[in-house]
Amino acid sequence: MLRLYDYLPSGNGYKVRLLLSHLEIPFELVELDIVKGETRTPEFLAKNPNGKIPVLETEDGRYLPESNAILWYLAEGTPFLPADRWGRAEALRWMFFEQYSHEPYVAVARFMLMHLDEEMPPEQARLLAEKQERGYAALTVMERHLATQEWFAGGAYSIADIALYAYTHVAAEGGFDLTPFGAIRGWLARVATQPGHVAITQR
């Protein structure tokens, strides 16, 4: 059986759990608390020297970190990975966008508001404002795409959507107001109706 090392509030881990649920693949969940440093132990670092979750342990004992790499591995040969060359390139495009232009801002703003003191020193408050500004820029790019397309790659729900959904659907926890983003809100609703959908903290 697959084993997933994860932290339930993490959007990166949620991506993997959501796809596993869609695919109806059973797995063992091993919960680690990143706030308490449980991914920095020698035991875990032997599995992922980068000290981050999620990590997928395969049936043959290999360890695969990085959420989007795990999505690609699990989606191979399924409808969640576009079958044609262009569709796969589109999926990669949006998954790279998620990691470089979206997650560093939307997810980090969420983490700051969830785990740091409400009374932030001025330096942290400035950092949060910067993260939110850049997060809104990423949401604007997504909104423009979704104004003419239902999904992000291959004309169908795919791992590109899963990758972007994970932190977008909890963006409000990072202080983002999605009210002006009607196309994004419609897309979020479509994702939530997909068979096998689960909530971010559902075990």
N, C-alpha and C. Protein backbone atom coordinates (compact mmCIF):
# COMPACT_ATOMS: atom_id res chain seq x y z
N MET A 1 0.84 -1.20 0.00
CA MET A 1 0.00 0.00 0.00
C MET A 1 0.88 1.25 0.00
N LEU A 2 0.43 2.27 -0.68
CA LEU A 2 1.13 3.55 -0.65
C LEU A 2 1.06 4.15 0.74
N ARG A 3 2.11 4.90 1.08
CA ARG A 3 2.14 5.60 2.36
C ARG A 3 2.44 7.07 2.07
N LEU A 4 1.63 7.97 2.65
CA LEU A 4 1.80 9.40 2.42
C LEU A 4 2.15 10.10 3.72
N TYR A 5 3.32 10.74 3.73
CA TYR A 5 3.74 11.55 4.87
C TYR A 5 3.23 12.97 4.61
N ASP A 6 2.44 13.50 5.56
CA ASP A 6 1.68 14.70 5.26
C ASP A 6 1.37 15.48 6.52
N TYR A 7 0.96 16.74 6.32
CA TYR A 7 0.48 17.63 7.37
C TYR A 7 -0.87 18.13 6.87
N LEU A 8 -1.95 17.77 7.55
CA LEU A 8 -3.29 17.95 6.99
C LEU A 8 -3.64 19.36 6.54
N PRO A 9 -3.23 20.42 7.24
CA PRO A 9 -3.58 21.76 6.75
C PRO A 9 -2.82 22.17 5.49
N SER A 10 -1.82 21.39 5.10
CA SER A 10 -0.99 21.77 3.95
C SER A 10 -1.73 21.60 2.63
N GLY A 11 -1.74 22.65 1.83
CA GLY A 11 -2.30 22.53 0.48
C GLY A 11 -1.49 21.61 -0.39
N ASN A 12 -0.17 21.60 -0.21
CA ASN A 12 0.67 20.71 -1.02
C ASN A 12 0.35 19.25 -0.75
N GLY A 13 0.14 18.92 0.50
CA GLY A 13 -0.25 17.55 0.82
C GLY A 13 -1.66 17.24 0.35
N TYR A 14 -2.52 18.24 0.47
CA TYR A 14 -3.92 18.06 0.05
C TYR A 14 -4.03 17.70 -1.42
N LYS A 15 -3.19 18.29 -2.25
CA LYS A 15 -3.20 17.94 -3.68
C LYS A 15 -3.15 16.43 -3.87
N VAL A 16 -2.22 15.81 -3.16
CA VAL A 16 -1.99 14.38 -3.32
C VAL A 16 -3.17 13.59 -2.78
N ARG A 17 -3.67 13.97 -1.60
CA ARG A 17 -4.82 13.27 -1.03
C ARG A 17 -6.06 13.40 -1.91
N LEU A 18 -6.22 14.57 -2.53
CA LEU A 18 -7.37 14.78 -3.40
C LEU A 18 -7.29 13.87 -4.62
N LEU A 19 -6.13 13.80 -5.25
CA LEU A 19 -5.99 12.93 -6.42
C LEU A 19 -6.15 11.46 -6.04
N LEU A 20 -5.57 11.05 -4.93
CA LEU A 20 -5.73 9.66 -4.48
C LEU A 20 -7.20 9.32 -4.27
N SER A 21 -7.95 10.29 -3.74
CA SER A 21 -9.38 10.07 -3.53
C SER A 21 -10.11 9.97 -4.87
N HIS A 22 -9.80 10.84 -5.80
CA HIS A 22 -10.41 10.76 -7.13
C HIS A 22 -10.14 9.40 -7.78
N LEU A 23 -8.91 8.90 -7.59
CA LEU A 23 -8.51 7.64 -8.21
C LEU A 23 -8.94 6.42 -7.40
N GLU A 24 -9.48 6.66 -6.22
CA GLU A 24 -9.92 5.58 -5.32
C GLU A 24 -8.76 4.63 -4.99
N ILE A 25 -7.60 5.22 -4.74
CA ILE A 25 -6.42 4.45 -4.37
C ILE A 25 -6.25 4.49 -2.86
N PRO A 26 -6.27 3.36 -2.19
CA PRO A 26 -6.07 3.36 -0.73
C PRO A 26 -4.63 3.71 -0.38
N PHE A 27 -4.45 4.35 0.77
CA PHE A 27 -3.11 4.72 1.20
C PHE A 27 -3.10 4.85 2.72
N GLU A 28 -1.91 4.73 3.27
CA GLU A 28 -1.73 4.96 4.71
C GLU A 28 -1.25 6.39 4.90
N LEU A 29 -1.91 7.12 5.76
CA LEU A 29 -1.54 8.50 6.05
C LEU A 29 -0.68 8.55 7.30
N VAL A 30 0.51 9.14 7.18
CA VAL A 30 1.39 9.36 8.32
C VAL A 30 1.45 10.87 8.55
N GLU A 31 0.83 11.33 9.63
CA GLU A 31 0.74 12.76 9.89
C GLU A 31 1.98 13.25 10.64
N LEU A 32 2.53 14.35 10.15
CA LEU A 32 3.68 14.99 10.78
C LEU A 32 3.34 16.46 10.99
N ASP A 33 3.74 17.01 12.12
CA ASP A 33 3.46 18.40 12.43
C ASP A 33 4.67 19.24 12.03
N ILE A 34 4.53 20.00 10.96
CA ILE A 34 5.67 20.80 10.49
C ILE A 34 5.99 21.93 11.46
N VAL A 35 4.99 22.41 12.18
CA VAL A 35 5.21 23.51 13.13
C VAL A 35 6.08 23.04 14.29
N LYS A 36 5.95 21.78 14.66
CA LYS A 36 6.74 21.22 15.76
C LYS A 36 8.08 20.63 15.30
N GLY A 37 8.38 20.77 14.01
CA GLY A 37 9.67 20.31 13.50
C GLY A 37 9.75 18.82 13.23
N GLU A 38 8.61 18.16 13.07
CA GLU A 38 8.63 16.70 12.90
C GLU A 38 9.13 16.27 11.52
N THR A 39 9.32 17.22 10.60
CA THR A 39 9.91 16.87 9.30
C THR A 39 11.41 17.17 9.29
N ARG A 40 11.96 17.52 10.44
CA ARG A 40 13.38 17.85 10.52
C ARG A 40 14.16 16.81 11.32
N THR A 41 13.52 15.70 11.62
CA THR A 41 14.19 14.64 12.37
C THR A 41 15.10 13.85 11.42
N PRO A 42 16.14 13.21 11.94
CA PRO A 42 16.99 12.39 11.09
C PRO A 42 16.21 11.31 10.34
N GLU A 43 15.20 10.75 11.00
CA GLU A 43 14.41 9.69 10.37
C GLU A 43 13.69 10.21 9.12
N PHE A 44 13.07 11.39 9.24
CA PHE A 44 12.36 11.92 8.08
C PHE A 44 13.32 12.45 7.03
N LEU A 45 14.41 13.08 7.44
CA LEU A 45 15.38 13.60 6.48
C LEU A 45 16.01 12.50 5.65
N ALA A 46 16.02 11.28 6.18
CA ALA A 46 16.50 10.15 5.38
C ALA A 46 15.53 9.85 4.24
N LYS A 47 14.27 10.22 4.41
CA LYS A 47 13.26 10.01 3.36
C LYS A 47 13.24 11.19 2.39
N ASN A 48 13.38 12.39 2.90
CA ASN A 48 13.43 13.59 2.07
C ASN A 48 14.43 14.57 2.68
N PRO A 49 15.62 14.65 2.13
CA PRO A 49 16.65 15.54 2.68
C PRO A 49 16.23 17.00 2.70
N ASN A 50 15.21 17.37 1.94
CA ASN A 50 14.73 18.74 1.93
C ASN A 50 13.83 19.04 3.13
N GLY A 51 13.44 18.00 3.86
CA GLY A 51 12.71 18.19 5.10
C GLY A 51 11.33 18.77 4.95
N LYS A 52 10.64 18.42 3.87
CA LYS A 52 9.30 18.95 3.64
C LYS A 52 8.33 17.83 3.30
N ILE A 53 7.07 18.10 3.57
CA ILE A 53 6.00 17.20 3.13
C ILE A 53 5.34 17.84 1.92
N PRO A 54 4.62 17.06 1.12
CA PRO A 54 4.36 15.62 1.27
C PRO A 54 5.51 14.78 0.71
N VAL A 55 5.55 13.55 1.17
CA VAL A 55 6.42 12.52 0.59
C VAL A 55 5.58 11.27 0.39
N LEU A 56 5.64 10.73 -0.80
CA LEU A 56 4.93 9.49 -1.11
C LEU A 56 5.92 8.33 -1.04
N GLU A 57 5.60 7.34 -0.23
CA GLU A 57 6.38 6.11 -0.17
C GLU A 57 5.67 5.06 -1.02
N THR A 58 6.34 4.55 -2.03
CA THR A 58 5.73 3.59 -2.94
C THR A 58 5.77 2.19 -2.35
N GLU A 59 5.06 1.30 -3.00
CA GLU A 59 4.98 -0.08 -2.50
C GLU A 59 6.35 -0.76 -2.46
N ASP A 60 7.26 -0.33 -3.31
CA ASP A 60 8.59 -0.95 -3.34
C ASP A 60 9.61 -0.20 -2.47
N GLY A 61 9.11 0.72 -1.63
CA GLY A 61 9.98 1.35 -0.65
C GLY A 61 10.74 2.57 -1.11
N ARG A 62 10.37 3.14 -2.26
CA ARG A 62 11.01 4.36 -2.73
C ARG A 62 10.23 5.58 -2.22
N TYR A 63 10.92 6.71 -2.12
CA TYR A 63 10.32 7.93 -1.59
C TYR A 63 10.32 9.02 -2.66
N LEU A 64 9.15 9.59 -2.89
CA LEU A 64 9.02 10.65 -3.88
C LEU A 64 8.48 11.91 -3.20
N PRO A 65 9.31 12.96 -3.08
CA PRO A 65 8.82 14.23 -2.55
C PRO A 65 8.34 15.14 -3.68
N GLU A 66 7.94 16.35 -3.31
CA GLU A 66 7.45 17.40 -4.21
C GLU A 66 6.04 17.06 -4.71
N SER A 67 5.09 17.85 -4.26
CA SER A 67 3.67 17.55 -4.51
C SER A 67 3.33 17.40 -5.99
N ASN A 68 3.85 18.28 -6.83
CA ASN A 68 3.48 18.20 -8.24
C ASN A 68 4.13 17.02 -8.95
N ALA A 69 5.31 16.63 -8.50
CA ALA A 69 5.93 15.41 -9.04
C ALA A 69 5.10 14.19 -8.65
N ILE A 70 4.58 14.19 -7.42
CA ILE A 70 3.73 13.09 -6.98
C ILE A 70 2.45 13.04 -7.81
N LEU A 71 1.86 14.22 -8.05
CA LEU A 71 0.65 14.27 -8.88
C LEU A 71 0.93 13.66 -10.25
N TRP A 72 2.03 14.03 -10.85
CA TRP A 72 2.36 13.53 -12.19
C TRP A 72 2.54 12.01 -12.17
N TYR A 73 3.23 11.52 -11.15
CA TYR A 73 3.47 10.07 -11.01
C TYR A 73 2.15 9.31 -10.88
N LEU A 74 1.27 9.80 -10.02
CA LEU A 74 0.00 9.10 -9.79
C LEU A 74 -0.95 9.21 -10.97
N ALA A 75 -0.87 10.33 -11.70
CA ALA A 75 -1.82 10.57 -12.79
C ALA A 75 -1.46 9.86 -14.08
N GLU A 76 -0.24 9.37 -14.19
CA GLU A 76 0.20 8.69 -15.42
C GLU A 76 -0.78 7.59 -15.79
N GLY A 77 -1.27 7.64 -17.04
CA GLY A 77 -2.18 6.62 -17.52
C GLY A 77 -3.62 6.77 -17.06
N THR A 78 -3.94 7.92 -16.45
CA THR A 78 -5.31 8.17 -15.99
C THR A 78 -5.87 9.39 -16.72
N PRO A 79 -7.19 9.64 -16.63
CA PRO A 79 -7.77 10.83 -17.26
C PRO A 79 -7.29 12.14 -16.65
N PHE A 80 -6.60 12.10 -15.52
CA PHE A 80 -6.17 13.33 -14.85
C PHE A 80 -4.88 13.90 -15.44
N LEU A 81 -4.26 13.18 -16.36
CA LEU A 81 -3.11 13.69 -17.09
C LEU A 81 -3.49 13.72 -18.57
N PRO A 82 -3.49 14.89 -19.20
CA PRO A 82 -3.88 14.96 -20.61
C PRO A 82 -3.11 13.98 -21.46
N ALA A 83 -3.79 13.37 -22.42
CA ALA A 83 -3.18 12.32 -23.23
C ALA A 83 -2.30 12.86 -24.35
N ASP A 84 -2.60 14.08 -24.82
CA ASP A 84 -1.85 14.60 -25.96
C ASP A 84 -0.68 15.47 -25.50
N ARG A 85 0.27 15.64 -26.39
CA ARG A 85 1.51 16.35 -26.06
C ARG A 85 1.25 17.78 -25.60
N TRP A 86 0.39 18.51 -26.33
CA TRP A 86 0.10 19.89 -25.98
C TRP A 86 -0.60 19.98 -24.63
N GLY A 87 -1.55 19.09 -24.39
CA GLY A 87 -2.26 19.10 -23.12
C GLY A 87 -1.33 18.86 -21.94
N ARG A 88 -0.38 17.95 -22.10
CA ARG A 88 0.59 17.69 -21.02
C ARG A 88 1.47 18.92 -20.79
N ALA A 89 1.86 19.57 -21.89
CA ALA A 89 2.67 20.79 -21.74
C ALA A 89 1.87 21.88 -21.03
N GLU A 90 0.59 22.00 -21.35
CA GLU A 90 -0.27 22.96 -20.65
C GLU A 90 -0.34 22.64 -19.15
N ALA A 91 -0.48 21.36 -18.85
CA ALA A 91 -0.53 20.96 -17.43
C ALA A 91 0.75 21.38 -16.72
N LEU A 92 1.89 21.12 -17.34
CA LEU A 92 3.16 21.50 -16.74
C LEU A 92 3.26 23.01 -16.59
N ARG A 93 2.80 23.73 -17.61
CA ARG A 93 2.84 25.19 -17.55
C ARG A 93 2.16 25.70 -16.30
N TRP A 94 0.95 25.21 -16.04
CA TRP A 94 0.19 25.71 -14.90
C TRP A 94 0.71 25.17 -13.58
N MET A 95 1.30 23.97 -13.59
CA MET A 95 1.88 23.44 -12.36
C MET A 95 3.16 24.20 -12.00
N PHE A 96 3.94 24.61 -13.01
CA PHE A 96 5.09 25.46 -12.73
C PHE A 96 4.63 26.83 -12.24
N PHE A 97 3.59 27.36 -12.86
CA PHE A 97 3.01 28.64 -12.43
C PHE A 97 2.58 28.55 -10.96
N GLU A 98 1.95 27.45 -10.62
CA GLU A 98 1.48 27.28 -9.24
C GLU A 98 2.63 27.33 -8.25
N GLN A 99 3.73 26.69 -8.57
CA GLN A 99 4.85 26.62 -7.64
C GLN A 99 5.68 27.90 -7.59
N TYR A 100 5.73 28.63 -8.70
CA TYR A 100 6.61 29.80 -8.75
C TYR A 100 5.89 31.14 -8.60
N SER A 101 4.63 31.21 -9.04
CA SER A 101 3.92 32.48 -9.06
C SER A 101 2.70 32.53 -8.14
N HIS A 102 2.29 31.40 -7.62
CA HIS A 102 1.06 31.32 -6.83
C HIS A 102 1.34 30.87 -5.40
N GLU A 103 1.84 29.68 -5.24
CA GLU A 103 2.05 29.09 -3.92
C GLU A 103 2.97 29.92 -3.02
N PRO A 104 4.06 30.50 -3.53
CA PRO A 104 4.95 31.28 -2.65
C PRO A 104 4.27 32.51 -2.04
N TYR A 105 3.15 32.92 -2.58
CA TYR A 105 2.47 34.12 -2.10
C TYR A 105 1.15 33.80 -1.41
N VAL A 106 0.28 33.06 -2.08
CA VAL A 106 -1.01 32.72 -1.49
C VAL A 106 -0.81 31.80 -0.27
N ALA A 107 0.01 30.79 -0.43
CA ALA A 107 0.22 29.84 0.67
C ALA A 107 0.98 30.46 1.82
N VAL A 108 1.99 31.27 1.51
CA VAL A 108 2.79 31.86 2.58
C VAL A 108 1.98 32.89 3.36
N ALA A 109 1.16 33.68 2.66
CA ALA A 109 0.28 34.62 3.37
C ALA A 109 -0.66 33.85 4.30
N ARG A 110 -1.18 32.74 3.83
CA ARG A 110 -2.07 31.91 4.66
C ARG A 110 -1.33 31.40 5.89
N PHE A 111 -0.12 30.90 5.69
CA PHE A 111 0.68 30.38 6.80
C PHE A 111 0.94 31.48 7.83
N MET A 112 1.28 32.66 7.34
CA MET A 112 1.57 33.77 8.26
C MET A 112 0.36 34.11 9.12
N LEU A 113 -0.81 34.17 8.51
CA LEU A 113 -2.01 34.53 9.26
C LEU A 113 -2.47 33.41 10.18
N MET A 114 -2.16 32.16 9.81
CA MET A 114 -2.59 31.03 10.63
C MET A 114 -1.66 30.77 11.81
N HIS A 115 -0.37 31.10 11.65
CA HIS A 115 0.61 30.66 12.64
C HIS A 115 1.38 31.77 13.33
N LEU A 116 1.35 32.98 12.81
CA LEU A 116 2.08 34.06 13.45
C LEU A 116 1.14 34.90 14.30
N ASP A 117 1.69 35.68 15.21
CA ASP A 117 0.89 36.51 16.11
C ASP A 117 0.08 37.53 15.32
N GLU A 118 -1.12 37.79 15.80
CA GLU A 118 -1.97 38.78 15.15
C GLU A 118 -1.31 40.15 15.15
N GLU A 119 -0.64 40.48 16.22
CA GLU A 119 0.06 41.77 16.30
C GLU A 119 1.45 41.60 15.68
N MET A 120 1.52 41.71 14.38
CA MET A 120 2.78 41.52 13.68
C MET A 120 3.65 42.77 13.81
N PRO A 121 4.95 42.57 13.96
CA PRO A 121 5.84 43.72 13.88
C PRO A 121 5.79 44.31 12.47
N PRO A 122 6.14 45.58 12.31
CA PRO A 122 6.03 46.24 11.00
C PRO A 122 6.71 45.49 9.86
N GLU A 123 7.84 44.87 10.13
CA GLU A 123 8.56 44.16 9.06
C GLU A 123 7.75 42.98 8.55
N GLN A 124 7.14 42.22 9.47
CA GLN A 124 6.31 41.09 9.06
C GLN A 124 5.05 41.56 8.36
N ALA A 125 4.48 42.64 8.82
CA ALA A 125 3.28 43.19 8.18
C ALA A 125 3.58 43.61 6.75
N ARG A 126 4.74 44.20 6.53
CA ARG A 126 5.13 44.59 5.17
C ARG A 126 5.32 43.36 4.30
N LEU A 127 5.92 42.31 4.88
CA LEU A 127 6.11 41.08 4.12
C LEU A 127 4.78 40.46 3.74
N LEU A 128 3.84 40.45 4.68
CA LEU A 128 2.51 39.91 4.39
C LEU A 128 1.84 40.71 3.27
N ALA A 129 1.93 42.02 3.32
CA ALA A 129 1.32 42.86 2.28
C ALA A 129 1.94 42.56 0.92
N GLU A 130 3.25 42.33 0.89
CA GLU A 130 3.93 42.00 -0.36
C GLU A 130 3.46 40.65 -0.90
N LYS A 131 3.34 39.67 -0.01
CA LYS A 131 2.85 38.35 -0.42
C LYS A 131 1.44 38.45 -0.98
N GLN A 132 0.59 39.23 -0.32
CA GLN A 132 -0.78 39.37 -0.79
C GLN A 132 -0.85 40.09 -2.13
N GLU A 133 -0.03 41.10 -2.32
CA GLU A 133 -0.01 41.81 -3.60
C GLU A 133 0.35 40.87 -4.74
N ARG A 134 1.37 40.07 -4.53
CA ARG A 134 1.80 39.15 -5.57
C ARG A 134 0.82 37.99 -5.72
N GLY A 135 0.18 37.60 -4.63
CA GLY A 135 -0.86 36.59 -4.72
C GLY A 135 -2.03 37.04 -5.56
N TYR A 136 -2.43 38.29 -5.37
CA TYR A 136 -3.51 38.85 -6.19
C TYR A 136 -3.11 38.89 -7.67
N ALA A 137 -1.84 39.15 -7.94
CA ALA A 137 -1.37 39.14 -9.34
C ALA A 137 -1.55 37.76 -9.95
N ALA A 138 -1.23 36.71 -9.18
CA ALA A 138 -1.40 35.34 -9.68
C ALA A 138 -2.88 35.02 -9.88
N LEU A 139 -3.71 35.44 -8.96
CA LEU A 139 -5.15 35.20 -9.09
C LEU A 139 -5.71 35.91 -10.32
N THR A 140 -5.18 37.06 -10.64
CA THR A 140 -5.62 37.79 -11.82
C THR A 140 -5.28 37.03 -13.10
N VAL A 141 -4.10 36.43 -13.15
CA VAL A 141 -3.72 35.60 -14.30
C VAL A 141 -4.69 34.43 -14.44
N MET A 142 -5.01 33.78 -13.33
CA MET A 142 -5.95 32.66 -13.36
C MET A 142 -7.33 33.11 -13.81
N GLU A 143 -7.77 34.25 -13.31
CA GLU A 143 -9.10 34.77 -13.65
C GLU A 143 -9.21 35.00 -15.16
N ARG A 144 -8.18 35.55 -15.75
CA ARG A 144 -8.21 35.82 -17.18
C ARG A 144 -8.31 34.53 -17.99
N HIS A 145 -7.60 33.50 -17.55
CA HIS A 145 -7.66 32.22 -18.24
C HIS A 145 -9.06 31.61 -18.11
N LEU A 146 -9.56 31.62 -16.89
CA LEU A 146 -10.85 30.96 -16.62
C LEU A 146 -12.04 31.75 -17.18
N ALA A 147 -11.81 32.97 -17.59
CA ALA A 147 -12.89 33.73 -18.23
C ALA A 147 -13.30 33.12 -19.56
N THR A 148 -12.40 32.34 -20.17
CA THR A 148 -12.70 31.73 -21.47
C THR A 148 -12.56 30.20 -21.47
N GLN A 149 -12.07 29.64 -20.36
CA GLN A 149 -11.84 28.19 -20.28
C GLN A 149 -12.41 27.64 -18.98
N GLU A 150 -13.00 26.44 -19.04
CA GLU A 150 -13.52 25.84 -17.81
C GLU A 150 -12.41 25.25 -16.95
N TRP A 151 -11.35 24.76 -17.60
CA TRP A 151 -10.28 24.06 -16.89
C TRP A 151 -8.93 24.62 -17.35
N PHE A 152 -7.85 24.17 -16.71
CA PHE A 152 -6.55 24.75 -16.99
C PHE A 152 -5.75 24.03 -18.07
N ALA A 153 -6.02 22.78 -18.34
CA ALA A 153 -5.20 22.06 -19.31
C ALA A 153 -6.00 20.95 -19.99
N GLY A 154 -5.82 20.82 -21.28
CA GLY A 154 -6.41 19.69 -22.00
C GLY A 154 -7.91 19.73 -22.12
N GLY A 155 -8.54 20.83 -21.77
CA GLY A 155 -9.99 20.94 -21.90
C GLY A 155 -10.79 20.10 -20.92
N ALA A 156 -10.14 19.61 -19.86
CA ALA A 156 -10.83 18.76 -18.88
C ALA A 156 -10.16 18.93 -17.52
N TYR A 157 -10.87 18.51 -16.48
CA TYR A 157 -10.32 18.54 -15.13
C TYR A 157 -9.08 17.67 -15.06
N SER A 158 -7.99 18.22 -14.54
CA SER A 158 -6.70 17.51 -14.54
C SER A 158 -5.89 17.87 -13.31
N ILE A 159 -4.70 17.32 -13.24
CA ILE A 159 -3.81 17.63 -12.12
C ILE A 159 -3.39 19.11 -12.12
N ALA A 160 -3.51 19.80 -13.25
CA ALA A 160 -3.26 21.24 -13.25
C ALA A 160 -4.28 21.95 -12.38
N ASP A 161 -5.54 21.54 -12.49
CA ASP A 161 -6.59 22.11 -11.65
C ASP A 161 -6.38 21.74 -10.19
N ILE A 162 -6.02 20.50 -9.94
CA ILE A 162 -5.82 20.05 -8.56
C ILE A 162 -4.70 20.86 -7.91
N ALA A 163 -3.60 21.06 -8.65
CA ALA A 163 -2.46 21.80 -8.12
C ALA A 163 -2.86 23.23 -7.74
N LEU A 164 -3.64 23.88 -8.59
CA LEU A 164 -4.03 25.26 -8.32
C LEU A 164 -5.19 25.38 -7.33
N TYR A 165 -6.03 24.38 -7.28
CA TYR A 165 -7.18 24.41 -6.37
C TYR A 165 -6.74 24.39 -4.91
N ALA A 166 -5.68 23.65 -4.62
CA ALA A 166 -5.32 23.36 -3.23
C ALA A 166 -5.22 24.61 -2.37
N TYR A 167 -4.47 25.60 -2.83
CA TYR A 167 -4.33 26.82 -2.04
C TYR A 167 -5.31 27.91 -2.44
N THR A 168 -5.85 27.86 -3.66
CA THR A 168 -6.81 28.89 -4.07
C THR A 168 -8.10 28.78 -3.27
N HIS A 169 -8.55 27.56 -3.00
CA HIS A 169 -9.85 27.43 -2.34
C HIS A 169 -9.80 27.82 -0.86
N VAL A 170 -8.59 27.97 -0.31
CA VAL A 170 -8.46 28.46 1.06
C VAL A 170 -7.75 29.82 1.08
N ALA A 171 -7.78 30.52 -0.04
CA ALA A 171 -7.08 31.81 -0.14
C ALA A 171 -7.60 32.81 0.88
N ALA A 172 -8.87 32.72 1.24
CA ALA A 172 -9.43 33.64 2.24
C ALA A 172 -8.66 33.56 3.56
N GLU A 173 -8.11 32.38 3.87
CA GLU A 173 -7.33 32.22 5.09
C GLU A 173 -6.00 32.97 5.01
N GLY A 174 -5.64 33.40 3.81
CA GLY A 174 -4.45 34.23 3.63
C GLY A 174 -4.78 35.69 3.45
N GLY A 175 -6.06 36.03 3.72
CA GLY A 175 -6.47 37.42 3.62
C GLY A 175 -6.89 37.86 2.24
N PHE A 176 -7.12 36.92 1.33
CA PHE A 176 -7.50 37.25 -0.04
C PHE A 176 -9.03 37.26 -0.18
N ASP A 177 -9.52 38.28 -0.83
CA ASP A 177 -10.95 38.40 -1.09
C ASP A 177 -11.21 37.95 -2.53
N LEU A 178 -11.92 36.83 -2.69
CA LEU A 178 -12.19 36.29 -4.02
C LEU A 178 -13.48 36.83 -4.63
N THR A 179 -14.13 37.75 -3.94
CA THR A 179 -15.40 38.28 -4.46
C THR A 179 -15.28 38.82 -5.88
N PRO A 180 -14.22 39.56 -6.22
CA PRO A 180 -14.13 40.10 -7.59
C PRO A 180 -13.77 39.05 -8.65
N PHE A 181 -13.40 37.86 -8.23
CA PHE A 181 -12.90 36.84 -9.15
C PHE A 181 -14.00 35.83 -9.46
N GLY A 182 -14.97 36.26 -10.25
CA GLY A 182 -16.11 35.41 -10.54
C GLY A 182 -15.77 34.14 -11.28
N ALA A 183 -14.83 34.21 -12.22
CA ALA A 183 -14.45 33.02 -12.98
C ALA A 183 -13.75 32.01 -12.08
N ILE A 184 -12.91 32.48 -11.17
CA ILE A 184 -12.26 31.59 -10.22
C ILE A 184 -13.29 30.94 -9.31
N ARG A 185 -14.24 31.72 -8.83
CA ARG A 185 -15.25 31.15 -7.93
C ARG A 185 -16.09 30.09 -8.65
N GLY A 186 -16.40 30.32 -9.91
CA GLY A 186 -17.12 29.30 -10.67
C GLY A 186 -16.31 28.04 -10.84
N TRP A 187 -15.02 28.21 -11.10
CA TRP A 187 -14.11 27.06 -11.25
C TRP A 187 -13.98 26.29 -9.93
N LEU A 188 -13.86 27.01 -8.81
CA LEU A 188 -13.80 26.35 -7.50
C LEU A 188 -15.03 25.49 -7.27
N ALA A 189 -16.18 26.00 -7.66
CA ALA A 189 -17.42 25.24 -7.49
C ALA A 189 -17.42 24.00 -8.37
N ARG A 190 -16.89 24.11 -9.59
CA ARG A 190 -16.83 22.93 -10.48
C ARG A 190 -15.90 21.87 -9.91
N VAL A 191 -14.76 22.29 -9.38
CA VAL A 191 -13.83 21.32 -8.79
C VAL A 191 -14.48 20.60 -7.62
N ALA A 192 -15.20 21.34 -6.80
CA ALA A 192 -15.80 20.75 -5.60
C ALA A 192 -16.88 19.72 -5.91
N THR A 193 -17.37 19.70 -7.13
CA THR A 193 -18.41 18.73 -7.50
C THR A 193 -17.83 17.49 -8.18
N GLN A 194 -16.51 17.41 -8.33
CA GLN A 194 -15.92 16.25 -9.00
C GLN A 194 -16.04 15.01 -8.12
N PRO A 195 -16.30 13.85 -8.73
CA PRO A 195 -16.43 12.61 -7.94
C PRO A 195 -15.17 12.36 -7.10
N GLY A 196 -15.39 11.99 -5.87
CA GLY A 196 -14.27 11.69 -4.98
C GLY A 196 -13.67 12.91 -4.30
N HIS A 197 -14.31 14.05 -4.46
CA HIS A 197 -13.77 15.27 -3.82
C HIS A 197 -13.77 15.12 -2.31
N VAL A 198 -12.69 15.58 -1.67
CA VAL A 198 -12.60 15.56 -0.21
C VAL A 198 -12.13 16.93 0.27
N ALA A 199 -12.43 17.23 1.52
CA ALA A 199 -12.02 18.49 2.13
C ALA A 199 -10.54 18.45 2.48
N ILE A 200 -9.94 19.62 2.67
CA ILE A 200 -8.49 19.71 2.84
C ILE A 200 -7.99 18.97 4.09
N THR A 201 -8.76 18.97 5.15
CA THR A 201 -8.29 18.31 6.38
C THR A 201 -8.93 16.95 6.59
N GLN A 202 -9.62 16.44 5.56
CA GLN A 202 -10.26 15.12 5.69
C GLN A 202 -9.22 14.02 5.63
N ARG A 203 -9.29 13.09 6.57
CA ARG A 203 -8.34 11.98 6.59
C ARG A 203 -8.75 10.90 5.62
